């Protein structure tokens, strides 16, 4: 049952991120990429779950339940910090684009016209 809930939550996060990436607003695109990144981090942590064995103290984890591999946790923590930095940088760049062009609509920024 737990695996089903995790799969459902991950599917919803990836779907929400994809929905936001496909929007015309640059800020929503940045948030969509950020949500997809965090969903990938959650996926990695759930794949790092071990079945009752403690990776550091092999043989001492009987009956301890599900534990998480500490290497995966360290890598995901690093990915979270890097993702936060790149998201902040992308939002600052978006603000700069808004100051220069007066819009953050991707179609208006691309110079595409509707033919009128």
PDB file of N, CA and C in Angstrom:
ATOM      1  N   UNK A   1       0.828  -1.197   0.000  1.00  0.00           N
ATOM      2  CA  UNK A   1       0.000   0.000   0.000  1.00  0.00           C
ATOM      3  C   UNK A   1       0.870   1.259   0.000  1.00  0.00           C
ATOM      4  N   UNK A   2       1.961   1.243   0.771  1.00  0.00           N
ATOM      5  CA  UNK A   2       2.852   2.395   0.840  1.00  0.00           C
ATOM      6  C   UNK A   2       3.486   2.679  -0.522  1.00  0.00           C
ATOM      7  N   UNK A   3       3.858   1.618  -1.224  1.00  0.00           N
ATOM      8  CA  UNK A   3       4.463   1.797  -2.543  1.00  0.00           C
ATOM      9  C   UNK A   3       3.475   2.452  -3.517  1.00  0.00           C
ATOM     10  N   UNK A   4       2.200   2.069  -3.405  1.00  0.00           N
ATOM     11  CA  UNK A   4       1.184   2.653  -4.274  1.00  0.00           C
ATOM     12  C   UNK A   4       1.021   4.143  -3.998  1.00  0.00           C
ATOM     13  N   UNK A   5       0.997   4.525  -2.733  1.00  0.00           N
ATOM     14  CA  UNK A   5       0.852   5.939  -2.367  1.00  0.00           C
ATOM     15  C   UNK A   5       2.058   6.734  -2.862  1.00  0.00           C
ATOM     16  N   UNK A   6       3.274   6.188  -2.678  1.00  0.00           N
ATOM     17  CA  UNK A   6       4.469   6.872  -3.162  1.00  0.00           C
ATOM     18  C   UNK A   6       4.446   7.019  -4.680  1.00  0.00           C
ATOM     19  N   UNK A   7       4.038   5.969  -5.380  1.00  0.00           N
ATOM     20  CA  UNK A   7       3.964   6.033  -6.843  1.00  0.00           C
ATOM     21  C   UNK A   7       2.925   7.068  -7.278  1.00  0.00           C
ATOM     22  N   UNK A   8       1.798   7.130  -6.586  1.00  0.00           N
ATOM     23  CA  UNK A   8       0.758   8.096  -6.918  1.00  0.00           C
ATOM     24  C   UNK A   8       1.237   9.530  -6.686  1.00  0.00           C
ATOM     25  N   UNK A   9       1.884   9.767  -5.555  1.00  0.00           N
ATOM     26  CA  UNK A   9       2.386  11.113  -5.251  1.00  0.00           C
ATOM     27  C   UNK A   9       3.457  11.516  -6.258  1.00  0.00           C
ATOM     28  N   UNK A  10       4.368  10.604  -6.585  1.00  0.00           N
ATOM     29  CA  UNK A  10       5.407  10.917  -7.568  1.00  0.00           C
ATOM     30  C   UNK A  10       4.809  11.195  -8.941  1.00  0.00           C
ATOM     31  N   UNK A  11       3.811  10.410  -9.326  1.00  0.00           N
ATOM     32  CA  UNK A  11       3.144  10.649 -10.603  1.00  0.00           C
ATOM     33  C   UNK A  11       2.472  12.004 -10.637  1.00  0.00           C
ATOM     34  N   UNK A  12       1.823  12.381  -9.545  1.00  0.00           N
ATOM     35  CA  UNK A  12       1.171  13.693  -9.478  1.00  0.00           C
ATOM     36  C   UNK A  12       2.188  14.835  -9.521  1.00  0.00           C
ATOM     37  N   UNK A  13       3.316  14.663  -8.831  1.00  0.00           N
ATOM     38  CA  UNK A  13       4.345  15.699  -8.857  1.00  0.00           C
ATOM     39  C   UNK A  13       4.931  15.867 -10.257  1.00  0.00           C
ATOM     40  N   UNK A  14       5.242  14.750 -10.922  1.00  0.00           N
ATOM     41  CA  UNK A  14       5.769  14.837 -12.280  1.00  0.00           C
ATOM     42  C   UNK A  14       4.730  15.439 -13.234  1.00  0.00           C
ATOM     43  N   UNK A  15       3.457  15.078 -13.055  1.00  0.00           N
ATOM     44  CA  UNK A  15       2.399  15.623 -13.913  1.00  0.00           C
ATOM     45  C   UNK A  15       2.242  17.129 -13.688  1.00  0.00           C
ATOM     46  N   UNK A  16       2.259  17.565 -12.431  1.00  0.00           N
ATOM     47  CA  UNK A  16       2.154  18.991 -12.128  1.00  0.00           C
ATOM     48  C   UNK A  16       3.339  19.755 -12.699  1.00  0.00           C
ATOM     49  N   UNK A  17       4.544  19.206 -12.528  1.00  0.00           N
ATOM     50  CA  UNK A  17       5.731  19.859 -13.082  1.00  0.00           C
ATOM     51  C   UNK A  17       5.668  19.967 -14.590  1.00  0.00           C
ATOM     52  N   UNK A  18       5.233  18.901 -15.249  1.00  0.00           N
ATOM     53  CA  UNK A  18       5.111  18.929 -16.706  1.00  0.00           C
ATOM     54  C   UNK A  18       4.062  19.944 -17.146  1.00  0.00           C
ATOM     55  N   UNK A  19       2.945  20.005 -16.434  1.00  0.00           N
ATOM     56  CA  UNK A  19       1.903  20.981 -16.743  1.00  0.00           C
ATOM     57  C   UNK A  19       2.444  22.404 -16.649  1.00  0.00           C
ATOM     58  N   UNK A  20       3.226  22.679 -15.607  1.00  0.00           N
ATOM     59  CA  UNK A  20       3.761  24.030 -15.428  1.00  0.00           C
ATOM     60  C   UNK A  20       4.832  24.360 -16.460  1.00  0.00           C
ATOM     61  N   UNK A  21       5.627  23.375 -16.856  1.00  0.00           N
ATOM     62  CA  UNK A  21       6.662  23.623 -17.860  1.00  0.00           C
ATOM     63  C   UNK A  21       6.039  24.002 -19.200  1.00  0.00           C
ATOM     64  N   UNK A  22       4.861  23.512 -19.489  1.00  0.00           N
ATOM     65  CA  UNK A  22       4.206  23.782 -20.763  1.00  0.00           C
ATOM     66  C   UNK A  22       3.417  25.095 -20.782  1.00  0.00           C
ATOM     67  N   UNK A  23       3.488  25.890 -19.740  1.00  0.00           N
ATOM     68  CA  UNK A  23       2.788  27.179 -19.690  1.00  0.00           C
ATOM     69  C   UNK A  23       3.600  28.245 -20.417  1.00  0.00           C
ATOM     70  N   UNK A  24       2.957  29.386 -20.688  1.00  0.00           N
ATOM     71  CA  UNK A  24       3.606  30.494 -21.390  1.00  0.00           C
ATOM     72  C   UNK A  24       4.366  31.420 -20.453  1.00  0.00           C
ATOM     73  N   UNK A  25       4.053  31.413 -19.186  1.00  0.00           N
ATOM     74  CA  UNK A  25       4.668  32.296 -18.204  1.00  0.00           C
ATOM     75  C   UNK A  25       6.021  31.715 -17.772  1.00  0.00           C
ATOM     76  N   UNK A  26       7.074  32.533 -17.829  1.00  0.00           N
ATOM     77  CA  UNK A  26       8.418  32.051 -17.516  1.00  0.00           C
ATOM     78  C   UNK A  26       8.524  31.605 -16.057  1.00  0.00           C
ATOM     79  N   UNK A  27       7.874  32.312 -15.150  1.00  0.00           N
ATOM     80  CA  UNK A  27       7.944  31.943 -13.731  1.00  0.00           C
ATOM     81  C   UNK A  27       7.334  30.552 -13.516  1.00  0.00           C
ATOM     82  N   UNK A  28       6.234  30.269 -14.179  1.00  0.00           N
ATOM     83  CA  UNK A  28       5.622  28.947 -14.048  1.00  0.00           C
ATOM     84  C   UNK A  28       6.521  27.866 -14.632  1.00  0.00           C
ATOM     85  N   UNK A  29       7.227  28.186 -15.688  1.00  0.00           N
ATOM     86  CA  UNK A  29       8.172  27.223 -16.259  1.00  0.00           C
ATOM     87  C   UNK A  29       9.284  26.927 -15.253  1.00  0.00           C
ATOM     88  N   UNK A  30       9.804  27.950 -14.609  1.00  0.00           N
ATOM     89  CA  UNK A  30      10.861  27.757 -13.599  1.00  0.00           C
ATOM     90  C   UNK A  30      10.350  26.907 -12.447  1.00  0.00           C
ATOM     91  N   UNK A  31       9.140  27.196 -11.977  1.00  0.00           N
ATOM     92  CA  UNK A  31       8.581  26.393 -10.881  1.00  0.00           C
ATOM     93  C   UNK A  31       8.315  24.956 -11.323  1.00  0.00           C
ATOM     94  N   UNK A  32       7.912  24.770 -12.564  1.00  0.00           N
ATOM     95  CA  UNK A  32       7.691  23.422 -13.078  1.00  0.00           C
ATOM     96  C   UNK A  32       8.971  22.607 -13.091  1.00  0.00           C
ATOM     97  N   UNK A  33      10.065  23.220 -13.541  1.00  0.00           N
ATOM     98  CA  UNK A  33      11.359  22.529 -13.531  1.00  0.00           C
ATOM     99  C   UNK A  33      11.781  22.213 -12.105  1.00  0.00           C
ATOM    100  N   UNK A  34      11.525  23.134 -11.193  1.00  0.00           N
ATOM    101  CA  UNK A  34      11.866  22.911  -9.785  1.00  0.00           C
ATOM    102  C   UNK A  34      11.050  21.754  -9.196  1.00  0.00           C
ATOM    103  N   UNK A  35       9.775  21.683  -9.513  1.00  0.00           N
ATOM    104  CA  UNK A  35       8.927  20.592  -8.997  1.00  0.00           C
ATOM    105  C   UNK A  35       9.363  19.257  -9.579  1.00  0.00           C
ATOM    106  N   UNK A  36       9.702  19.222 -10.870  1.00  0.00           N
ATOM    107  CA  UNK A  36      10.190  17.976 -11.466  1.00  0.00           C
ATOM    108  C   UNK A  36      11.497  17.544 -10.803  1.00  0.00           C
ATOM    109  N   UNK A  37      12.361  18.500 -10.514  1.00  0.00           N
ATOM    110  CA  UNK A  37      13.631  18.197  -9.839  1.00  0.00           C
ATOM    111  C   UNK A  37      13.392  17.601  -8.453  1.00  0.00           C
ATOM    112  N   UNK A  38      12.468  18.190  -7.703  1.00  0.00           N
ATOM    113  CA  UNK A  38      12.186  17.673  -6.363  1.00  0.00           C
ATOM    114  C   UNK A  38      11.497  16.310  -6.421  1.00  0.00           C
ATOM    115  N   UNK A  39      10.659  16.099  -7.433  1.00  0.00           N
ATOM    116  CA  UNK A  39      10.032  14.785  -7.602  1.00  0.00           C
ATOM    117  C   UNK A  39      11.087  13.726  -7.896  1.00  0.00           C
ATOM    118  N   UNK A  40      12.088  14.087  -8.696  1.00  0.00           N
ATOM    119  CA  UNK A  40      13.180  13.150  -8.971  1.00  0.00           C
ATOM    120  C   UNK A  40      13.963  12.847  -7.696  1.00  0.00           C
ATOM    121  N   UNK A  41      14.140  13.844  -6.830  1.00  0.00           N
ATOM    122  CA  UNK A  41      14.824  13.616  -5.556  1.00  0.00           C
ATOM    123  C   UNK A  41      14.026  12.670  -4.666  1.00  0.00           C
ATOM    124  N   UNK A  42      12.713  12.861  -4.606  1.00  0.00           N
ATOM    125  CA  UNK A  42      11.868  11.963  -3.808  1.00  0.00           C
ATOM    126  C   UNK A  42      11.936  10.542  -4.368  1.00  0.00           C
ATOM    127  N   UNK A  43      11.939  10.439  -5.690  1.00  0.00           N
ATOM    128  CA  UNK A  43      12.056   9.124  -6.333  1.00  0.00           C
ATOM    129  C   UNK A  43      13.369   8.444  -5.941  1.00  0.00           C
ATOM    130  N   UNK A  44      14.471   9.191  -5.959  1.00  0.00           N
ATOM    131  CA  UNK A  44      15.758   8.602  -5.585  1.00  0.00           C
ATOM    132  C   UNK A  44      15.781   8.141  -4.137  1.00  0.00           C
ATOM    133  N   UNK A  45      15.185   8.927  -3.247  1.00  0.00           N
ATOM    134  CA  UNK A  45      15.144   8.523  -1.832  1.00  0.00           C
ATOM    135  C   UNK A  45      14.309   7.263  -1.659  1.00  0.00           C
ATOM    136  N   UNK A  46      13.178   7.180  -2.351  1.00  0.00           N
ATOM    137  CA  UNK A  46      12.350   5.976  -2.205  1.00  0.00           C
ATOM    138  C   UNK A  46      13.039   4.759  -2.807  1.00  0.00           C
ATOM    139  N   UNK A  47      13.853   4.945  -3.838  1.00  0.00           N
ATOM    140  CA  UNK A  47      14.585   3.812  -4.400  1.00  0.00           C
ATOM    141  C   UNK A  47      15.749   3.400  -3.502  1.00  0.00           C
ATOM    142  N   UNK A  48      16.148   4.290  -2.585  1.00  0.00           N
ATOM    143  CA  UNK A  48      17.227   3.971  -1.661  1.00  0.00           C
ATOM    144  C   UNK A  48      16.765   3.228  -0.425  1.00  0.00           C
ATOM    145  N   UNK A  49      15.443   2.956  -0.315  1.00  0.00           N
ATOM    146  CA  UNK A  49      14.945   2.212   0.839  1.00  0.00           C
ATOM    147  C   UNK A  49      15.449   0.775   0.790  1.00  0.00           C
ATOM    148  N   UNK A  50      15.887   0.295   1.920  1.00  0.00           N
ATOM    149  CA  UNK A  50      16.397  -1.069   2.019  1.00  0.00           C
ATOM    150  C   UNK A  50      15.435  -1.907   2.841  1.00  0.00           C
ATOM    151  N   UNK A  51      15.411  -3.182   2.601  1.00  0.00           N
ATOM    152  CA  UNK A  51      14.473  -4.074   3.281  1.00  0.00           C
ATOM    153  C   UNK A  51      15.046  -4.608   4.592  1.00  0.00           C
ATOM    154  N   UNK A  52      15.032  -3.795   5.622  1.00  0.00           N
ATOM    155  CA  UNK A  52      15.390  -4.256   6.950  1.00  0.00           C
ATOM    156  C   UNK A  52      16.874  -4.376   7.220  1.00  0.00           C
ATOM    157  N   UNK A  53      17.739  -4.119   6.285  1.00  0.00           N
ATOM    158  CA  UNK A  53      19.166  -4.221   6.540  1.00  0.00           C
ATOM    159  C   UNK A  53      19.761  -2.826   6.628  1.00  0.00           C
ATOM    160  N   UNK A  54      20.613  -2.642   7.595  1.00  0.00           N
ATOM    161  CA  UNK A  54      21.284  -1.367   7.774  1.00  0.00           C
ATOM    162  C   UNK A  54      22.580  -1.420   6.974  1.00  0.00           C
ATOM    163  N   UNK A  55      22.792  -0.501   6.031  1.00  0.00           N
ATOM    164  CA  UNK A  55      23.953  -0.620   5.152  1.00  0.00           C
ATOM    165  C   UNK A  55      25.287  -0.448   5.856  1.00  0.00           C
ATOM    166  N   UNK A  56      25.318   0.322   6.948  1.00  0.00           N
ATOM    167  CA  UNK A  56      26.587   0.566   7.624  1.00  0.00           C
ATOM    168  C   UNK A  56      26.911  -0.583   8.574  1.00  0.00           C
ATOM    169  N   UNK A  57      25.920  -1.058   9.311  1.00  0.00           N
ATOM    170  CA  UNK A  57      26.122  -2.122  10.279  1.00  0.00           C
ATOM    171  C   UNK A  57      25.402  -3.379   9.798  1.00  0.00           C
ATOM    172  N   UNK A  58      25.986  -4.076   8.865  1.00  0.00           N
ATOM    173  CA  UNK A  58      25.361  -5.261   8.291  1.00  0.00           C
ATOM    174  C   UNK A  58      25.191  -6.330   9.370  1.00  0.00           C
ATOM    175  N   UNK A  59      23.996  -6.863   9.466  1.00  0.00           N
ATOM    176  CA  UNK A  59      23.717  -7.904  10.445  1.00  0.00           C
ATOM    177  C   UNK A  59      23.162  -7.385  11.750  1.00  0.00           C
ATOM    178  N   UNK A  60      23.147  -6.085  11.964  1.00  0.00           N
ATOM    179  CA  UNK A  60      22.645  -5.520  13.221  1.00  0.00           C
ATOM    180  C   UNK A  60      21.290  -4.859  13.056  1.00  0.00           C
ATOM    181  N   UNK A  61      20.659  -5.013  11.894  1.00  0.00           N
ATOM    182  CA  UNK A  61      19.416  -4.304  11.661  1.00  0.00           C
ATOM    183  C   UNK A  61      18.206  -5.206  11.547  1.00  0.00           C
ATOM    184  N   UNK A  62      18.248  -6.408  12.126  1.00  0.00           N
ATOM    185  CA  UNK A  62      17.095  -7.294  12.025  1.00  0.00           C
ATOM    186  C   UNK A  62      15.916  -6.697  12.780  1.00  0.00           C
ATOM    187  N   UNK A  63      14.787  -6.643  12.109  1.00  0.00           N
ATOM    188  CA  UNK A  63      13.573  -6.136  12.745  1.00  0.00           C
ATOM    189  C   UNK A  63      13.521  -4.627  12.846  1.00  0.00           C
ATOM    190  N   UNK A  64      14.451  -3.937  12.213  1.00  0.00           N
ATOM    191  CA  UNK A  64      14.490  -2.485  12.322  1.00  0.00           C
ATOM    192  C   UNK A  64      13.506  -1.815  11.370  1.00  0.00           C
ATOM    193  N   UNK A  65      12.953  -2.585  10.442  1.00  0.00           N
ATOM    194  CA  UNK A  65      12.040  -1.995   9.465  1.00  0.00           C
ATOM    195  C   UNK A  65      12.816  -1.428   8.295  1.00  0.00           C
ATOM    196  N   UNK A  66      12.135  -0.632   7.485  1.00  0.00           N
ATOM    197  CA  UNK A  66      12.777  -0.063   6.303  1.00  0.00           C
ATOM    198  C   UNK A  66      13.676   1.098   6.706  1.00  0.00           C
ATOM    199  N   UNK A  67      14.885   1.074   6.224  1.00  0.00           N
ATOM    200  CA  UNK A  67      15.832   2.164   6.437  1.00  0.00           C
ATOM    201  C   UNK A  67      16.266   2.672   5.072  1.00  0.00           C
ATOM    202  N   UNK A  68      16.924   3.804   5.065  1.00  0.00           N
ATOM    203  CA  UNK A  68      17.357   4.411   3.813  1.00  0.00           C
ATOM    204  C   UNK A  68      18.869   4.403   3.737  1.00  0.00           C
ATOM    205  N   UNK A  69      19.374   4.132   2.548  1.00  0.00           N
ATOM    206  CA  UNK A  69      20.807   4.147   2.313  1.00  0.00           C
ATOM    207  C   UNK A  69      21.342   5.568   2.516  1.00  0.00           C
ATOM    208  N   UNK A  70      22.338   5.774   3.382  1.00  0.00           N
ATOM    209  CA  UNK A  70      22.813   7.138   3.655  1.00  0.00           C
ATOM    210  C   UNK A  70      23.507   7.786   2.455  1.00  0.00           C
ATOM    211  N   UNK A  71      24.056   6.997   1.546  1.00  0.00           N
ATOM    212  CA  UNK A  71      24.705   7.576   0.371  1.00  0.00           C
ATOM    213  C   UNK A  71      23.672   8.284  -0.515  1.00  0.00           C
ATOM    214  N   UNK A  72      22.522   7.650  -0.694  1.00  0.00           N
ATOM    215  CA  UNK A  72      21.459   8.259  -1.500  1.00  0.00           C
ATOM    216  C   UNK A  72      20.974   9.543  -0.828  1.00  0.00           C
ATOM    217  N   UNK A  73      20.854   9.515   0.482  1.00  0.00           N
ATOM    218  CA  UNK A  73      20.417  10.714   1.211  1.00  0.00           C
ATOM    219  C   UNK A  73      21.409  11.858   1.025  1.00  0.00           C
ATOM    220  N   UNK A  74      22.694  11.561   1.066  1.00  0.00           N
ATOM    221  CA  UNK A  74      23.705  12.609   0.888  1.00  0.00           C
ATOM    222  C   UNK A  74      23.656  13.182  -0.527  1.00  0.00           C
ATOM    223  N   UNK A  75      23.493  12.325  -1.513  1.00  0.00           N
ATOM    224  CA  UNK A  75      23.418  12.806  -2.890  1.00  0.00           C
ATOM    225  C   UNK A  75      22.168  13.652  -3.124  1.00  0.00           C
ATOM    226  N   UNK A  76      21.043  13.241  -2.548  1.00  0.00           N
ATOM    227  CA  UNK A  76      19.810  14.002  -2.708  1.00  0.00           C
ATOM    228  C   UNK A  76      19.905  15.336  -1.978  1.00  0.00           C
ATOM    229  N   UNK A  77      20.526  15.355  -0.810  1.00  0.00           N
ATOM    230  CA  UNK A  77      20.712  16.618  -0.097  1.00  0.00           C
ATOM    231  C   UNK A  77      21.544  17.583  -0.925  1.00  0.00           C
ATOM    232  N   UNK A  78      22.582  17.085  -1.563  1.00  0.00           N
ATOM    233  CA  UNK A  78      23.392  17.919  -2.447  1.00  0.00           C
ATOM    234  C   UNK A  78      22.561  18.414  -3.632  1.00  0.00           C
ATOM    235  N   UNK A  79      21.743  17.538  -4.200  1.00  0.00           N
ATOM    236  CA  UNK A  79      20.889  17.931  -5.329  1.00  0.00           C
ATOM    237  C   UNK A  79      19.873  18.987  -4.914  1.00  0.00           C
ATOM    238  N   UNK A  80      19.349  18.910  -3.699  1.00  0.00           N
ATOM    239  CA  UNK A  80      18.393  19.908  -3.216  1.00  0.00           C
ATOM    240  C   UNK A  80      19.058  21.278  -3.111  1.00  0.00           C
ATOM    241  N   UNK A  81      20.270  21.323  -2.571  1.00  0.00           N
ATOM    242  CA  UNK A  81      20.979  22.594  -2.420  1.00  0.00           C
ATOM    243  C   UNK A  81      21.294  23.193  -3.785  1.00  0.00           C
ATOM    244  N   UNK A  82      21.792  22.378  -4.708  1.00  0.00           N
ATOM    245  CA  UNK A  82      22.104  22.872  -6.050  1.00  0.00           C
ATOM    246  C   UNK A  82      20.825  23.309  -6.761  1.00  0.00           C
ATOM    247  N   UNK A  83      19.735  22.557  -6.608  1.00  0.00           N
ATOM    248  CA  UNK A  83      18.458  22.923  -7.218  1.00  0.00           C
ATOM    249  C   UNK A  83      17.926  24.232  -6.681  1.00  0.00           C
ATOM    250  N   UNK A  84      18.084  24.465  -5.380  1.00  0.00           N
ATOM    251  CA  UNK A  84      17.645  25.736  -4.804  1.00  0.00           C
ATOM    252  C   UNK A  84      18.429  26.897  -5.401  1.00  0.00           C
ATOM    253  N   UNK A  85      19.731  26.722  -5.533  1.00  0.00           N
ATOM    254  CA  UNK A  85      20.563  27.783  -6.110  1.00  0.00           C
ATOM    255  C   UNK A  85      20.210  28.083  -7.553  1.00  0.00           C
ATOM    256  N   UNK A  86      20.012  27.042  -8.348  1.00  0.00           N
ATOM    257  CA  UNK A  86      19.673  27.269  -9.756  1.00  0.00           C
ATOM    258  C   UNK A  86      18.271  27.849  -9.910  1.00  0.00           C
ATOM    259  N   UNK A  87      17.342  27.465  -9.045  1.00  0.00           N
ATOM    260  CA  UNK A  87      15.996  28.051  -9.091  1.00  0.00           C
ATOM    261  C   UNK A  87      16.040  29.536  -8.742  1.00  0.00           C
ATOM    262  N   UNK A  88      16.800  29.888  -7.719  1.00  0.00           N
ATOM    263  CA  UNK A  88      16.937  31.297  -7.358  1.00  0.00           C
ATOM    264  C   UNK A  88      17.574  32.084  -8.497  1.00  0.00           C
ATOM    265  N   UNK A  89      18.600  31.512  -9.126  1.00  0.00           N
ATOM    266  CA  UNK A  89      19.256  32.172 -10.258  1.00  0.00           C
ATOM    267  C   UNK A  89      18.286  32.354 -11.426  1.00  0.00           C
ATOM    268  N   UNK A  90      17.496  31.327 -11.718  1.00  0.00           N
ATOM    269  CA  UNK A  90      16.528  31.419 -12.821  1.00  0.00           C
ATOM    270  C   UNK A  90      15.462  32.473 -12.529  1.00  0.00           C
ATOM    271  N   UNK A  91      15.026  32.583 -11.289  1.00  0.00           N
ATOM    272  CA  UNK A  91      14.032  33.604 -10.945  1.00  0.00           C
ATOM    273  C   UNK A  91      14.613  35.014 -11.046  1.00  0.00           C
ATOM    274  N   UNK A  92      15.877  35.178 -10.680  1.00  0.00           N
ATOM    275  CA  UNK A  92      16.528  36.484 -10.826  1.00  0.00           C
ATOM    276  C   UNK A  92      16.663  36.831 -12.306  1.00  0.00           C
ATOM    277  N   UNK A  93      17.030  35.852 -13.136  1.00  0.00           N
ATOM    278  CA  UNK A  93      17.097  36.100 -14.573  1.00  0.00           C
ATOM    279  C   UNK A  93      15.723  36.446 -15.145  1.00  0.00           C
ATOM    280  N   UNK A  94      14.684  35.794 -14.642  1.00  0.00           N
ATOM    281  CA  UNK A  94      13.328  36.103 -15.088  1.00  0.00           C
ATOM    282  C   UNK A  94      12.955  37.535 -14.738  1.00  0.00           C
ATOM    283  N   UNK A  95      13.318  37.959 -13.549  1.00  0.00           N
ATOM    284  CA  UNK A  95      13.049  39.340 -13.147  1.00  0.00           C
ATOM    285  C   UNK A  95      13.785  40.325 -14.044  1.00  0.00           C
ATOM    286  N   UNK A  96      15.015  39.984 -14.393  1.00  0.00           N
ATOM    287  CA  UNK A  96      15.802  40.850 -15.287  1.00  0.00           C
ATOM    288  C   UNK A  96      15.169  40.912 -16.682  1.00  0.00           C
ATOM    289  N   UNK A  97      14.665  39.802 -17.178  1.00  0.00           N
ATOM    290  CA  UNK A  97      13.975  39.789 -18.462  1.00  0.00           C
ATOM    291  C   UNK A  97      12.723  40.662 -18.391  1.00  0.00           C
ATOM    292  N   UNK A  98      12.002  40.591 -17.278  1.00  0.00           N
ATOM    293  CA  UNK A  98      10.812  41.426 -17.110  1.00  0.00           C
ATOM    294  C   UNK A  98      11.174  42.914 -17.112  1.00  0.00           C
ATOM    295  N   UNK A  99      12.284  43.259 -16.441  1.00  0.00           N
ATOM    296  CA  UNK A  99      12.711  44.658 -16.442  1.00  0.00           C
ATOM    297  C   UNK A  99      13.075  45.138 -17.845  1.00  0.00           C
ATOM    298  N   UNK A 100      13.716  44.301 -18.631  1.00  0.00           N
ATOM    299  CA  UNK A 100      14.159  44.686 -19.976  1.00  0.00           C
ATOM    300  C   UNK A 100      13.018  44.738 -20.984  1.00  0.00           C
ATOM    301  N   UNK A 101      12.126  43.747 -20.932  1.00  0.00           N
ATOM    302  CA  UNK A 101      11.116  43.606 -21.979  1.00  0.00           C
ATOM    303  C   UNK A 101       9.694  43.957 -21.533  1.00  0.00           C
ATOM    304  N   UNK A 102       9.459  44.061 -20.236  1.00  0.00           N
ATOM    305  CA  UNK A 102       8.131  44.407 -19.742  1.00  0.00           C
ATOM    306  C   UNK A 102       7.141  43.255 -19.762  1.00  0.00           C
ATOM    307  N   UNK A 103       7.602  42.046 -20.047  1.00  0.00           N
ATOM    308  CA  UNK A 103       6.726  40.879 -20.064  1.00  0.00           C
ATOM    309  C   UNK A 103       7.541  39.627 -19.755  1.00  0.00           C
ATOM    310  N   UNK A 104       6.834  38.601 -19.295  1.00  0.00           N
ATOM    311  CA  UNK A 104       7.484  37.303 -19.113  1.00  0.00           C
ATOM    312  C   UNK A 104       6.737  36.224 -19.890  1.00  0.00           C
ATOM    313  N   UNK A 105       5.900  36.659 -20.833  1.00  0.00           N
ATOM    314  CA  UNK A 105       5.185  35.732 -21.704  1.00  0.00           C
ATOM    315  C   UNK A 105       6.153  35.210 -22.766  1.00  0.00           C
ATOM    316  N   UNK A 106       6.275  33.890 -22.864  1.00  0.00           N
ATOM    317  CA  UNK A 106       7.248  33.309 -23.782  1.00  0.00           C
ATOM    318  C   UNK A 106       6.958  33.632 -25.245  1.00  0.00           C
ATOM    319  N   UNK A 107       5.687  33.707 -25.625  1.00  0.00           N
ATOM    320  CA  UNK A 107       5.364  34.011 -27.013  1.00  0.00           C
ATOM    321  C   UNK A 107       5.714  35.456 -27.371  1.00  0.00           C
ATOM    322  N   UNK A 108       5.491  36.356 -26.439  1.00  0.00           N
ATOM    323  CA  UNK A 108       5.854  37.754 -26.693  1.00  0.00           C
ATOM    324  C   UNK A 108       7.363  37.947 -26.698  1.00  0.00           C
ATOM    325  N   UNK A 109       8.067  37.217 -25.868  1.00  0.00           N
ATOM    326  CA  UNK A 109       9.518  37.323 -25.842  1.00  0.00           C
ATOM    327  C   UNK A 109      10.159  36.743 -27.087  1.00  0.00           C
ATOM    328  N   UNK A 110       9.532  35.723 -27.672  1.00  0.00           N
ATOM    329  CA  UNK A 110      10.072  35.101 -28.868  1.00  0.00           C
ATOM    330  C   UNK A 110       9.829  35.902 -30.129  1.00  0.00           C
ATOM    331  N   UNK A 111       9.045  36.958 -30.053  1.00  0.00           N
ATOM    332  CA  UNK A 111       8.766  37.785 -31.203  1.00  0.00           C
ATOM    333  C   UNK A 111       7.786  37.159 -32.176  1.00  0.00           C
ATOM    334  N   UNK A 112       7.093  36.117 -31.726  1.00  0.00           N
ATOM    335  CA  UNK A 112       6.125  35.440 -32.591  1.00  0.00           C
ATOM    336  C   UNK A 112       4.857  36.277 -32.689  1.00  0.00           C
ATOM    337  N   UNK A 113       4.343  36.409 -33.906  1.00  0.00           N
ATOM    338  CA  UNK A 113       3.097  37.155 -34.093  1.00  0.00           C
ATOM    339  C   UNK A 113       1.987  36.189 -34.489  1.00  0.00           C
ATOM    340  N   UNK A 114       0.752  36.637 -34.317  1.00  0.00           N
ATOM    341  CA  UNK A 114      -0.385  35.778 -34.636  1.00  0.00           C
ATOM    342  C   UNK A 114      -0.887  35.992 -36.060  1.00  0.00           C
ATOM    343  N   UNK A 115      -0.178  36.763 -36.872  1.00  0.00           N
ATOM    344  CA  UNK A 115      -0.540  36.928 -38.280  1.00  0.00           C
ATOM    345  C   UNK A 115      -1.462  38.087 -38.564  1.00  0.00           C
ATOM    346  N   UNK A 116      -1.832  38.890 -37.576  1.00  0.00           N
ATOM    347  CA  UNK A 116      -2.726  40.044 -37.810  1.00  0.00           C
ATOM    348  C   UNK A 116      -1.944  41.281 -38.159  1.00  0.00           C
TER     349      UNK A 116
END
